[in-house]
Amino acid sequence: MELKPDLTYLKEMSSGDKNLMIEVLDIYLEQVPEFIGDFREALHAHDYIKVSSIAHKAKTSVAIAGFNELSLVFKKIELISKDNDAHNEVDILMTEVFNILLQTEKIIQKVKETL
């Protein structure tokens, strides 16, 4: 999975305002630990409807931060979490996603330094 963020949408949304871009990226950095915690809690409780809801929110956040491929993974998680026969697949995907989310935090920190 490509973890180089595509900031095209963020640049357009902010009209190139670097301070606004940094502010949006800071919000993303605040959200990542919340997403991880919420996902872990929902998975521990086997609450896959909640997993779907969190994935919906995460999908948008990672897309704004430029991680388009990861956004597609969250879209898949959002959809398959609603399927009782796919919960094992959700668990496997989420194990991978936790590590990827942590990597995106480091990447966004570096991106902010270059703005």
PDB file of N, CA and C in Angstrom:
ATOM      1  N   MET A   1       0.850  -1.188   0.000  1.00  0.00           N
ATOM      2  CA  MET A   1       0.000   0.000   0.000  1.00  0.00           C
ATOM      3  C   MET A   1       0.889   1.244   0.000  1.00  0.00           C
ATOM      4  N   GLU A   2       0.583   2.157  -0.880  1.00  0.00           N
ATOM      5  CA  GLU A   2       1.321   3.411  -0.994  1.00  0.00           C
ATOM      6  C   GLU A   2       0.965   4.317   0.181  1.00  0.00           C
ATOM      7  N   LEU A   3       1.980   4.688   0.960  1.00  0.00           N
ATOM      8  CA  LEU A   3       1.728   5.557   2.112  1.00  0.00           C
ATOM      9  C   LEU A   3       2.296   6.958   1.912  1.00  0.00           C
ATOM     10  N   LYS A   4       2.485   7.342   0.672  1.00  0.00           N
ATOM     11  CA  LYS A   4       2.897   8.712   0.382  1.00  0.00           C
ATOM     12  C   LYS A   4       1.616   9.517   0.174  1.00  0.00           C
ATOM     13  N   PRO A   5       1.362  10.481   1.063  1.00  0.00           N
ATOM     14  CA  PRO A   5       0.087  11.202   0.959  1.00  0.00           C
ATOM     15  C   PRO A   5       0.007  12.083  -0.286  1.00  0.00           C
ATOM     16  N   ASP A   6      -1.157  12.074  -0.885  1.00  0.00           N
ATOM     17  CA  ASP A   6      -1.471  12.945  -2.016  1.00  0.00           C
ATOM     18  C   ASP A   6      -2.236  14.130  -1.430  1.00  0.00           C
ATOM     19  N   LEU A   7      -1.571  15.255  -1.341  1.00  0.00           N
ATOM     20  CA  LEU A   7      -2.160  16.420  -0.675  1.00  0.00           C
ATOM     21  C   LEU A   7      -2.951  17.316  -1.620  1.00  0.00           C
ATOM     22  N   THR A   8      -3.250  16.836  -2.810  1.00  0.00           N
ATOM     23  CA  THR A   8      -3.972  17.637  -3.801  1.00  0.00           C
ATOM     24  C   THR A   8      -5.290  18.162  -3.243  1.00  0.00           C
ATOM     25  N   TYR A   9      -6.098  17.280  -2.678  1.00  0.00           N
ATOM     26  CA  TYR A   9      -7.399  17.700  -2.159  1.00  0.00           C
ATOM     27  C   TYR A   9      -7.227  18.701  -1.021  1.00  0.00           C
ATOM     28  N   LEU A  10      -6.301  18.432  -0.120  1.00  0.00           N
ATOM     29  CA  LEU A  10      -6.068  19.326   1.017  1.00  0.00           C
ATOM     30  C   LEU A  10      -5.613  20.705   0.537  1.00  0.00           C
ATOM     31  N   LYS A  11      -4.748  20.739  -0.462  1.00  0.00           N
ATOM     32  CA  LYS A  11      -4.290  22.019  -1.007  1.00  0.00           C
ATOM     33  C   LYS A  11      -5.444  22.787  -1.641  1.00  0.00           C
ATOM     34  N   GLU A  12      -6.291  22.064  -2.375  1.00  0.00           N
ATOM     35  CA  GLU A  12      -7.445  22.716  -3.004  1.00  0.00           C
ATOM     36  C   GLU A  12      -8.424  23.218  -1.953  1.00  0.00           C
ATOM     37  N   MET A  13      -8.701  22.371  -0.966  1.00  0.00           N
ATOM     38  CA  MET A  13      -9.655  22.712   0.083  1.00  0.00           C
ATOM     39  C   MET A  13      -9.197  23.942   0.872  1.00  0.00           C
ATOM     40  N   SER A  14      -7.882  24.058   1.068  1.00  0.00           N
ATOM     41  CA  SER A  14      -7.339  25.152   1.875  1.00  0.00           C
ATOM     42  C   SER A  14      -6.882  26.331   1.022  1.00  0.00           C
ATOM     43  N   SER A  15      -7.093  26.243  -0.275  1.00  0.00           N
ATOM     44  CA  SER A  15      -6.617  27.266  -1.223  1.00  0.00           C
ATOM     45  C   SER A  15      -5.118  27.517  -1.057  1.00  0.00           C
ATOM     46  N   GLY A  16      -4.391  26.458  -0.690  1.00  0.00           N
ATOM     47  CA  GLY A  16      -2.944  26.562  -0.540  1.00  0.00           C
ATOM     48  C   GLY A  16      -2.481  27.225   0.740  1.00  0.00           C
ATOM     49  N   ASP A  17      -3.402  27.554   1.635  1.00  0.00           N
ATOM     50  CA  ASP A  17      -3.050  28.187   2.909  1.00  0.00           C
ATOM     51  C   ASP A  17      -2.341  27.155   3.799  1.00  0.00           C
ATOM     52  N   LYS A  18      -1.024  27.334   3.961  1.00  0.00           N
ATOM     53  CA  LYS A  18      -0.230  26.347   4.696  1.00  0.00           C
ATOM     54  C   LYS A  18      -0.645  26.242   6.157  1.00  0.00           C
ATOM     55  N   ASN A  19      -1.036  27.349   6.764  1.00  0.00           N
ATOM     56  CA  ASN A  19      -1.484  27.295   8.160  1.00  0.00           C
ATOM     57  C   ASN A  19      -2.749  26.457   8.300  1.00  0.00           C
ATOM     58  N   LEU A  20      -3.661  26.617   7.358  1.00  0.00           N
ATOM     59  CA  LEU A  20      -4.886  25.819   7.379  1.00  0.00           C
ATOM     60  C   LEU A  20      -4.572  24.346   7.118  1.00  0.00           C
ATOM     61  N   MET A  21      -3.645  24.090   6.213  1.00  0.00           N
ATOM     62  CA  MET A  21      -3.250  22.707   5.944  1.00  0.00           C
ATOM     63  C   MET A  21      -2.669  22.062   7.202  1.00  0.00           C
ATOM     64  N   ILE A  22      -1.814  22.791   7.896  1.00  0.00           N
ATOM     65  CA  ILE A  22      -1.223  22.272   9.133  1.00  0.00           C
ATOM     66  C   ILE A  22      -2.307  22.029  10.171  1.00  0.00           C
ATOM     67  N   GLU A  23      -3.261  22.931  10.261  1.00  0.00           N
ATOM     68  CA  GLU A  23      -4.364  22.769  11.215  1.00  0.00           C
ATOM     69  C   GLU A  23      -5.165  21.495  10.916  1.00  0.00           C
ATOM     70  N   VAL A  24      -5.464  21.266   9.653  1.00  0.00           N
ATOM     71  CA  VAL A  24      -6.209  20.061   9.261  1.00  0.00           C
ATOM     72  C   VAL A  24      -5.384  18.812   9.563  1.00  0.00           C
ATOM     73  N   LEU A  25      -4.091  18.859   9.281  1.00  0.00           N
ATOM     74  CA  LEU A  25      -3.228  17.709   9.563  1.00  0.00           C
ATOM     75  C   LEU A  25      -3.100  17.467  11.065  1.00  0.00           C
ATOM     76  N   ASP A  26      -3.094  18.547  11.853  1.00  0.00           N
ATOM     77  CA  ASP A  26      -3.078  18.393  13.316  1.00  0.00           C
ATOM     78  C   ASP A  26      -4.346  17.695  13.804  1.00  0.00           C
ATOM     79  N   ILE A  27      -5.464  18.035  13.213  1.00  0.00           N
ATOM     80  CA  ILE A  27      -6.725  17.365  13.572  1.00  0.00           C
ATOM     81  C   ILE A  27      -6.618  15.883  13.240  1.00  0.00           C
ATOM     82  N   TYR A  28      -6.057  15.572  12.088  1.00  0.00           N
ATOM     83  CA  TYR A  28      -5.861  14.168  11.713  1.00  0.00           C
ATOM     84  C   TYR A  28      -5.012  13.458  12.770  1.00  0.00           C
ATOM     85  N   LEU A  29      -3.932  14.101  13.186  1.00  0.00           N
ATOM     86  CA  LEU A  29      -3.043  13.489  14.179  1.00  0.00           C
ATOM     87  C   LEU A  29      -3.751  13.267  15.516  1.00  0.00           C
ATOM     88  N   GLU A  30      -4.699  14.118  15.844  1.00  0.00           N
ATOM     89  CA  GLU A  30      -5.497  13.919  17.063  1.00  0.00           C
ATOM     90  C   GLU A  30      -6.477  12.761  16.884  1.00  0.00           C
ATOM     91  N   GLN A  31      -6.975  12.590  15.672  1.00  0.00           N
ATOM     92  CA  GLN A  31      -7.994  11.572  15.419  1.00  0.00           C
ATOM     93  C   GLN A  31      -7.434  10.154  15.385  1.00  0.00           C
ATOM     94  N   VAL A  32      -6.202   9.997  14.921  1.00  0.00           N
ATOM     95  CA  VAL A  32      -5.654   8.647  14.749  1.00  0.00           C
ATOM     96  C   VAL A  32      -5.699   7.835  16.043  1.00  0.00           C
ATOM     97  N   PRO A  33      -5.177   8.355  17.170  1.00  0.00           N
ATOM     98  CA  PRO A  33      -5.261   7.554  18.402  1.00  0.00           C
ATOM     99  C   PRO A  33      -6.705   7.286  18.830  1.00  0.00           C
ATOM    100  N   GLU A  34      -7.583   8.235  18.572  1.00  0.00           N
ATOM    101  CA  GLU A  34      -9.002   8.034  18.900  1.00  0.00           C
ATOM    102  C   GLU A  34      -9.588   6.908  18.054  1.00  0.00           C
ATOM    103  N   PHE A  35      -9.280   6.912  16.765  1.00  0.00           N
ATOM    104  CA  PHE A  35      -9.768   5.838  15.890  1.00  0.00           C
ATOM    105  C   PHE A  35      -9.263   4.481  16.371  1.00  0.00           C
ATOM    106  N   ILE A  36      -7.976   4.415  16.672  1.00  0.00           N
ATOM    107  CA  ILE A  36      -7.393   3.145  17.112  1.00  0.00           C
ATOM    108  C   ILE A  36      -8.075   2.666  18.385  1.00  0.00           C
ATOM    109  N   GLY A  37      -8.236   3.561  19.354  1.00  0.00           N
ATOM    110  CA  GLY A  37      -8.899   3.195  20.606  1.00  0.00           C
ATOM    111  C   GLY A  37     -10.337   2.765  20.393  1.00  0.00           C
ATOM    112  N   ASP A  38     -11.057   3.517  19.583  1.00  0.00           N
ATOM    113  CA  ASP A  38     -12.462   3.185  19.317  1.00  0.00           C
ATOM    114  C   ASP A  38     -12.592   1.852  18.580  1.00  0.00           C
ATOM    115  N   PHE A  39     -11.708   1.632  17.601  1.00  0.00           N
ATOM    116  CA  PHE A  39     -11.731   0.357  16.878  1.00  0.00           C
ATOM    117  C   PHE A  39     -11.448  -0.807  17.824  1.00  0.00           C
ATOM    118  N   ARG A  40     -10.433  -0.655  18.658  1.00  0.00           N
ATOM    119  CA  ARG A  40     -10.071  -1.746  19.585  1.00  0.00           C
ATOM    120  C   ARG A  40     -11.229  -2.061  20.520  1.00  0.00           C
ATOM    121  N   GLU A  41     -11.854  -1.017  21.027  1.00  0.00           N
ATOM    122  CA  GLU A  41     -12.993  -1.198  21.936  1.00  0.00           C
ATOM    123  C   GLU A  41     -14.142  -1.925  21.223  1.00  0.00           C
ATOM    124  N   ALA A  42     -14.456  -1.489  20.023  1.00  0.00           N
ATOM    125  CA  ALA A  42     -15.558  -2.102  19.267  1.00  0.00           C
ATOM    126  C   ALA A  42     -15.237  -3.547  18.891  1.00  0.00           C
ATOM    127  N   LEU A  43     -14.002  -3.803  18.489  1.00  0.00           N
ATOM    128  CA  LEU A  43     -13.616  -5.169  18.125  1.00  0.00           C
ATOM    129  C   LEU A  43     -13.642  -6.084  19.344  1.00  0.00           C
ATOM    130  N   HIS A  44     -13.160  -5.568  20.472  1.00  0.00           N
ATOM    131  CA  HIS A  44     -13.168  -6.362  21.708  1.00  0.00           C
ATOM    132  C   HIS A  44     -14.597  -6.743  22.098  1.00  0.00           C
ATOM    133  N   ALA A  45     -15.532  -5.831  21.854  1.00  0.00           N
ATOM    134  CA  ALA A  45     -16.944  -6.073  22.181  1.00  0.00           C
ATOM    135  C   ALA A  45     -17.676  -6.810  21.048  1.00  0.00           C
ATOM    136  N   HIS A  46     -16.961  -7.104  19.972  1.00  0.00           N
ATOM    137  CA  HIS A  46     -17.567  -7.741  18.788  1.00  0.00           C
ATOM    138  C   HIS A  46     -18.740  -6.913  18.258  1.00  0.00           C
ATOM    139  N   ASP A  47     -18.581  -5.588  18.351  1.00  0.00           N
ATOM    140  CA  ASP A  47     -19.608  -4.662  17.883  1.00  0.00           C
ATOM    141  C   ASP A  47     -19.231  -4.186  16.476  1.00  0.00           C
ATOM    142  N   TYR A  48     -19.583  -4.991  15.495  1.00  0.00           N
ATOM    143  CA  TYR A  48     -19.162  -4.711  14.123  1.00  0.00           C
ATOM    144  C   TYR A  48     -19.971  -3.590  13.471  1.00  0.00           C
ATOM    145  N   ILE A  49     -21.121  -3.289  14.012  1.00  0.00           N
ATOM    146  CA  ILE A  49     -21.868  -2.113  13.530  1.00  0.00           C
ATOM    147  C   ILE A  49     -21.095  -0.850  13.912  1.00  0.00           C
ATOM    148  N   LYS A  50     -20.546  -0.841  15.122  1.00  0.00           N
ATOM    149  CA  LYS A  50     -19.728   0.296  15.555  1.00  0.00           C
ATOM    150  C   LYS A  50     -18.436   0.357  14.736  1.00  0.00           C
ATOM    151  N   VAL A  51     -17.840  -0.798  14.451  1.00  0.00           N
ATOM    152  CA  VAL A  51     -16.645  -0.829  13.599  1.00  0.00           C
ATOM    153  C   VAL A  51     -16.961  -0.171  12.255  1.00  0.00           C
ATOM    154  N   SER A  52     -18.106  -0.490  11.689  1.00  0.00           N
ATOM    155  CA  SER A  52     -18.520   0.091  10.417  1.00  0.00           C
ATOM    156  C   SER A  52     -18.647   1.609  10.518  1.00  0.00           C
ATOM    157  N   SER A  53     -19.237   2.073  11.598  1.00  0.00           N
ATOM    158  CA  SER A  53     -19.420   3.508  11.809  1.00  0.00           C
ATOM    159  C   SER A  53     -18.075   4.233  11.959  1.00  0.00           C
ATOM    160  N   ILE A  54     -17.169   3.643  12.719  1.00  0.00           N
ATOM    161  CA  ILE A  54     -15.844   4.248  12.903  1.00  0.00           C
ATOM    162  C   ILE A  54     -15.086   4.252  11.575  1.00  0.00           C
ATOM    163  N   ALA A  55     -15.194   3.160  10.826  1.00  0.00           N
ATOM    164  CA  ALA A  55     -14.523   3.075   9.524  1.00  0.00           C
ATOM    165  C   ALA A  55     -15.031   4.163   8.583  1.00  0.00           C
ATOM    166  N   HIS A  56     -16.320   4.459   8.667  1.00  0.00           N
ATOM    167  CA  HIS A  56     -16.895   5.523   7.837  1.00  0.00           C
ATOM    168  C   HIS A  56     -16.219   6.860   8.154  1.00  0.00           C
ATOM    169  N   LYS A  57     -16.061   7.158   9.438  1.00  0.00           N
ATOM    170  CA  LYS A  57     -15.405   8.411   9.842  1.00  0.00           C
ATOM    171  C   LYS A  57     -13.934   8.411   9.445  1.00  0.00           C
ATOM    172  N   ALA A  58     -13.262   7.288   9.698  1.00  0.00           N
ATOM    173  CA  ALA A  58     -11.832   7.192   9.401  1.00  0.00           C
ATOM    174  C   ALA A  58     -11.573   7.321   7.906  1.00  0.00           C
ATOM    175  N   LYS A  59     -12.465   6.764   7.107  1.00  0.00           N
ATOM    176  CA  LYS A  59     -12.346   6.809   5.641  1.00  0.00           C
ATOM    177  C   LYS A  59     -12.201   8.251   5.165  1.00  0.00           C
ATOM    178  N   THR A  60     -13.023   9.118   5.692  1.00  0.00           N
ATOM    179  CA  THR A  60     -12.992  10.524   5.290  1.00  0.00           C
ATOM    180  C   THR A  60     -11.720  11.209   5.775  1.00  0.00           C
ATOM    181  N   SER A  61     -11.352  10.960   7.016  1.00  0.00           N
ATOM    182  CA  SER A  61     -10.166  11.607   7.586  1.00  0.00           C
ATOM    183  C   SER A  61      -8.891  11.227   6.846  1.00  0.00           C
ATOM    184  N   VAL A  62      -8.718   9.940   6.569  1.00  0.00           N
ATOM    185  CA  VAL A  62      -7.491   9.527   5.882  1.00  0.00           C
ATOM    186  C   VAL A  62      -7.477  10.034   4.441  1.00  0.00           C
ATOM    187  N   ALA A  63      -8.643  10.167   3.828  1.00  0.00           N
ATOM    188  CA  ALA A  63      -8.706  10.710   2.466  1.00  0.00           C
ATOM    189  C   ALA A  63      -8.287  12.176   2.457  1.00  0.00           C
ATOM    190  N   ILE A  64      -8.766  12.946   3.414  1.00  0.00           N
ATOM    191  CA  ILE A  64      -8.393  14.362   3.492  1.00  0.00           C
ATOM    192  C   ILE A  64      -6.890  14.503   3.724  1.00  0.00           C
ATOM    193  N   ALA A  65      -6.322  13.586   4.533  1.00  0.00           N
ATOM    194  CA  ALA A  65      -4.877  13.609   4.794  1.00  0.00           C
ATOM    195  C   ALA A  65      -4.076  13.078   3.608  1.00  0.00           C
ATOM    196  N   GLY A  66      -4.765  12.591   2.574  1.00  0.00           N
ATOM    197  CA  GLY A  66      -4.097  12.189   1.350  1.00  0.00           C
ATOM    198  C   GLY A  66      -3.782  10.716   1.211  1.00  0.00           C
ATOM    199  N   PHE A  67      -4.278   9.899   2.135  1.00  0.00           N
ATOM    200  CA  PHE A  67      -4.019   8.458   2.076  1.00  0.00           C
ATOM    201  C   PHE A  67      -5.195   7.765   1.391  1.00  0.00           C
ATOM    202  N   ASN A  68      -5.244   7.917   0.080  1.00  0.00           N
ATOM    203  CA  ASN A  68      -6.397   7.459  -0.691  1.00  0.00           C
ATOM    204  C   ASN A  68      -6.566   5.944  -0.687  1.00  0.00           C
ATOM    205  N   GLU A  69      -5.459   5.204  -0.762  1.00  0.00           N
ATOM    206  CA  GLU A  69      -5.567   3.741  -0.736  1.00  0.00           C
ATOM    207  C   GLU A  69      -6.095   3.264   0.614  1.00  0.00           C
ATOM    208  N   LEU A  70      -5.641   3.880   1.683  1.00  0.00           N
ATOM    209  CA  LEU A  70      -6.122   3.524   3.018  1.00  0.00           C
ATOM    210  C   LEU A  70      -7.603   3.858   3.151  1.00  0.00           C
ATOM    211  N   SER A  71      -8.023   4.938   2.535  1.00  0.00           N
ATOM    212  CA  SER A  71      -9.439   5.296   2.541  1.00  0.00           C
ATOM    213  C   SER A  71     -10.279   4.187   1.913  1.00  0.00           C
ATOM    214  N   LEU A  72      -9.767   3.595   0.840  1.00  0.00           N
ATOM    215  CA  LEU A  72     -10.481   2.486   0.193  1.00  0.00           C
ATOM    216  C   LEU A  72     -10.556   1.258   1.100  1.00  0.00           C
ATOM    217  N   VAL A  73      -9.508   1.035   1.886  1.00  0.00           N
ATOM    218  CA  VAL A  73      -9.525  -0.082   2.842  1.00  0.00           C
ATOM    219  C   VAL A  73     -10.607   0.162   3.891  1.00  0.00           C
ATOM    220  N   PHE A  74     -10.696   1.398   4.376  1.00  0.00           N
ATOM    221  CA  PHE A  74     -11.740   1.710   5.360  1.00  0.00           C
ATOM    222  C   PHE A  74     -13.134   1.583   4.751  1.00  0.00           C
ATOM    223  N   LYS A  75     -13.261   1.928   3.486  1.00  0.00           N
ATOM    224  CA  LYS A  75     -14.558   1.756   2.820  1.00  0.00           C
ATOM    225  C   LYS A  75     -14.931   0.277   2.801  1.00  0.00           C
ATOM    226  N   LYS A  76     -13.947  -0.570   2.502  1.00  0.00           N
ATOM    227  CA  LYS A  76     -14.198  -2.013   2.501  1.00  0.00           C
ATOM    228  C   LYS A  76     -14.586  -2.492   3.897  1.00  0.00           C
ATOM    229  N   ILE A  77     -13.854  -2.032   4.912  1.00  0.00           N
ATOM    230  CA  ILE A  77     -14.163  -2.419   6.293  1.00  0.00           C
ATOM    231  C   ILE A  77     -15.562  -1.953   6.666  1.00  0.00           C
ATOM    232  N   GLU A  78     -15.890  -0.725   6.279  1.00  0.00           N
ATOM    233  CA  GLU A  78     -17.224  -0.182   6.559  1.00  0.00           C
ATOM    234  C   GLU A  78     -18.309  -1.099   5.991  1.00  0.00           C
ATOM    235  N   LEU A  79     -18.115  -1.546   4.780  1.00  0.00           N
ATOM    236  CA  LEU A  79     -19.128  -2.367   4.117  1.00  0.00           C
ATOM    237  C   LEU A  79     -19.171  -3.795   4.646  1.00  0.00           C
ATOM    238  N   ILE A  80     -18.012  -4.432   4.784  1.00  0.00           N
ATOM    239  CA  ILE A  80     -18.032  -5.846   5.181  1.00  0.00           C
ATOM    240  C   ILE A  80     -18.306  -6.041   6.664  1.00  0.00           C
ATOM    241  N   SER A  81     -18.131  -4.993   7.464  1.00  0.00           N
ATOM    242  CA  SER A  81     -18.439  -5.114   8.898  1.00  0.00           C
ATOM    243  C   SER A  81     -19.911  -5.411   9.125  1.00  0.00           C
ATOM    244  N   LYS A  82     -20.726  -5.043   8.166  1.00  0.00           N
ATOM    245  CA  LYS A  82     -22.168  -5.266   8.284  1.00  0.00           C
ATOM    246  C   LYS A  82     -22.562  -6.696   7.918  1.00  0.00           C
ATOM    247  N   ASP A  83     -21.605  -7.452   7.376  1.00  0.00           N
ATOM    248  CA  ASP A  83     -21.855  -8.831   6.945  1.00  0.00           C
ATOM    249  C   ASP A  83     -21.386  -9.785   8.041  1.00  0.00           C
ATOM    250  N   ASN A  84     -22.313 -10.486   8.658  1.00  0.00           N
ATOM    251  CA  ASN A  84     -21.969 -11.393   9.756  1.00  0.00           C
ATOM    252  C   ASN A  84     -20.976 -12.473   9.356  1.00  0.00           C
ATOM    253  N   ASP A  85     -20.929 -12.815   8.088  1.00  0.00           N
ATOM    254  CA  ASP A  85     -20.014 -13.862   7.629  1.00  0.00           C
ATOM    255  C   ASP A  85     -18.600 -13.341   7.371  1.00  0.00           C
ATOM    256  N   ALA A  86     -18.385 -12.051   7.476  1.00  0.00           N
ATOM    257  CA  ALA A  86     -17.090 -11.463   7.134  1.00  0.00           C
ATOM    258  C   ALA A  86     -16.327 -10.928   8.345  1.00  0.00           C
ATOM    259  N   HIS A  87     -16.786 -11.205   9.528  1.00  0.00           N
ATOM    260  CA  HIS A  87     -16.145 -10.633  10.712  1.00  0.00           C
ATOM    261  C   HIS A  87     -14.690 -11.069  10.860  1.00  0.00           C
ATOM    262  N   ASN A  88     -14.373 -12.294  10.476  1.00  0.00           N
ATOM    263  CA  ASN A  88     -12.985 -12.745  10.544  1.00  0.00           C
ATOM    264  C   ASN A  88     -12.110 -11.913   9.610  1.00  0.00           C
ATOM    265  N   GLU A  89     -12.624 -11.609   8.428  1.00  0.00           N
ATOM    266  CA  GLU A  89     -11.886 -10.771   7.479  1.00  0.00           C
ATOM    267  C   GLU A  89     -11.688  -9.366   8.043  1.00  0.00           C
ATOM    268  N   VAL A  90     -12.697  -8.847   8.719  1.00  0.00           N
ATOM    269  CA  VAL A  90     -12.582  -7.524   9.347  1.00  0.00           C
ATOM    270  C   VAL A  90     -11.466  -7.546  10.383  1.00  0.00           C
ATOM    271  N   ASP A  91     -11.443  -8.575  11.215  1.00  0.00           N
ATOM    272  CA  ASP A  91     -10.413  -8.681  12.250  1.00  0.00           C
ATOM    273  C   ASP A  91      -9.012  -8.686  11.634  1.00  0.00           C
ATOM    274  N   ILE A  92      -8.845  -9.427  10.557  1.00  0.00           N
ATOM    275  CA  ILE A  92      -7.539  -9.500   9.885  1.00  0.00           C
ATOM    276  C   ILE A  92      -7.162  -8.144   9.295  1.00  0.00           C
ATOM    277  N   LEU A  93      -8.095  -7.510   8.607  1.00  0.00           N
ATOM    278  CA  LEU A  93      -7.837  -6.185   8.030  1.00  0.00           C
ATOM    279  C   LEU A  93      -7.482  -5.170   9.109  1.00  0.00           C
ATOM    280  N   MET A  94      -8.194  -5.215  10.216  1.00  0.00           N
ATOM    281  CA  MET A  94      -7.958  -4.237  11.276  1.00  0.00           C
ATOM    282  C   MET A  94      -6.574  -4.404  11.894  1.00  0.00           C
ATOM    283  N   THR A  95      -6.087  -5.620  12.005  1.00  0.00           N
ATOM    284  CA  THR A  95      -4.734  -5.834  12.524  1.00  0.00           C
ATOM    285  C   THR A  95      -3.721  -5.100  11.655  1.00  0.00           C
ATOM    286  N   GLU A  96      -3.887  -5.186  10.352  1.00  0.00           N
ATOM    287  CA  GLU A  96      -3.002  -4.486   9.423  1.00  0.00           C
ATOM    288  C   GLU A  96      -3.199  -2.973   9.504  1.00  0.00           C
ATOM    289  N   VAL A  97      -4.438  -2.555   9.613  1.00  0.00           N
ATOM    290  CA  VAL A  97      -4.762  -1.129   9.605  1.00  0.00           C
ATOM    291  C   VAL A  97      -4.186  -0.410  10.827  1.00  0.00           C
ATOM    292  N   PHE A  98      -4.174  -1.061  11.972  1.00  0.00           N
ATOM    293  CA  PHE A  98      -3.608  -0.419  13.163  1.00  0.00           C
ATOM    294  C   PHE A  98      -2.164   0.005  12.898  1.00  0.00           C
ATOM    295  N   ASN A  99      -1.370  -0.890  12.337  1.00  0.00           N
ATOM    296  CA  ASN A  99       0.029  -0.570  12.050  1.00  0.00           C
ATOM    297  C   ASN A  99       0.150   0.527  11.000  1.00  0.00           C
ATOM    298  N   ILE A 100      -0.702   0.476   9.998  1.00  0.00           N
ATOM    299  CA  ILE A 100      -0.667   1.486   8.939  1.00  0.00           C
ATOM    300  C   ILE A 100      -1.039   2.858   9.492  1.00  0.00           C
ATOM    301  N   LEU A 101      -2.055   2.914  10.341  1.00  0.00           N
ATOM    302  CA  LEU A 101      -2.446   4.197  10.937  1.00  0.00           C
ATOM    303  C   LEU A 101      -1.293   4.804  11.728  1.00  0.00           C
ATOM    304  N   LEU A 102      -0.582   3.984  12.475  1.00  0.00           N
ATOM    305  CA  LEU A 102       0.562   4.484  13.237  1.00  0.00           C
ATOM    306  C   LEU A 102       1.643   5.020  12.302  1.00  0.00           C
ATOM    307  N   GLN A 103       1.842   4.372  11.178  1.00  0.00           N
ATOM    308  CA  GLN A 103       2.814   4.855  10.193  1.00  0.00           C
ATOM    309  C   GLN A 103       2.382   6.195   9.607  1.00  0.00           C
ATOM    310  N   THR A 104       1.086   6.356   9.379  1.00  0.00           N
ATOM    311  CA  THR A 104       0.611   7.618   8.792  1.00  0.00           C
ATOM    312  C   THR A 104       0.869   8.786   9.732  1.00  0.00           C
ATOM    313  N   GLU A 105       0.814   8.537  11.033  1.00  0.00           N
ATOM    314  CA  GLU A 105       1.117   9.613  11.988  1.00  0.00           C
ATOM    315  C   GLU A 105       2.529  10.147  11.756  1.00  0.00           C
ATOM    316  N   LYS A 106       3.487   9.249  11.634  1.00  0.00           N
ATOM    317  CA  LYS A 106       4.882   9.653  11.421  1.00  0.00           C
ATOM    318  C   LYS A 106       5.038  10.382  10.090  1.00  0.00           C
ATOM    319  N   ILE A 107       4.371   9.884   9.081  1.00  0.00           N
ATOM    320  CA  ILE A 107       4.455  10.501   7.754  1.00  0.00           C
ATOM    321  C   ILE A 107       3.886  11.917   7.786  1.00  0.00           C
ATOM    322  N   ILE A 108       2.746  12.090   8.428  1.00  0.00           N
ATOM    323  CA  ILE A 108       2.118  13.420   8.494  1.00  0.00           C
ATOM    324  C   ILE A 108       2.978  14.390   9.293  1.00  0.00           C
ATOM    325  N   GLN A 109       3.621  13.914  10.345  1.00  0.00           N
ATOM    326  CA  GLN A 109       4.539  14.787  11.100  1.00  0.00           C
ATOM    327  C   GLN A 109       5.634  15.315  10.173  1.00  0.00           C
ATOM    328  N   LYS A 110       6.189  14.439   9.342  1.00  0.00           N
ATOM    329  CA  LYS A 110       7.243  14.855   8.405  1.00  0.00           C
ATOM    330  C   LYS A 110       6.692  15.808   7.347  1.00  0.00           C
ATOM    331  N   VAL A 111       5.493  15.539   6.861  1.00  0.00           N
ATOM    332  CA  VAL A 111       4.868  16.416   5.863  1.00  0.00           C
ATOM    333  C   VAL A 111       4.693  17.816   6.438  1.00  0.00           C
ATOM    334  N   LYS A 112       4.244  17.892   7.677  1.00  0.00           N
ATOM    335  CA  LYS A 112       4.035  19.203   8.313  1.00  0.00           C
ATOM    336  C   LYS A 112       5.333  20.003   8.358  1.00  0.00           C
ATOM    337  N   GLU A 113       6.447  19.330   8.568  1.00  0.00           N
ATOM    338  CA  GLU A 113       7.741  20.012   8.642  1.00  0.00           C
ATOM    339  C   GLU A 113       8.142  20.618   7.300  1.00  0.00           C
ATOM    340  N   THR A 114       7.611  20.076   6.212  1.00  0.00           N
ATOM    341  CA  THR A 114       7.980  20.572   4.883  1.00  0.00           C
ATOM    342  C   THR A 114       7.041  21.664   4.375  1.00  0.00           C
ATOM    343  N   LEU A 115       5.956  21.906   5.090  1.00  0.00           N
ATOM    344  CA  LEU A 115       4.995  22.926   4.629  1.00  0.00           C
ATOM    345  C   LEU A 115       5.471  24.325   4.974  1.00  0.00           C
TER     346      LEU A 115
END
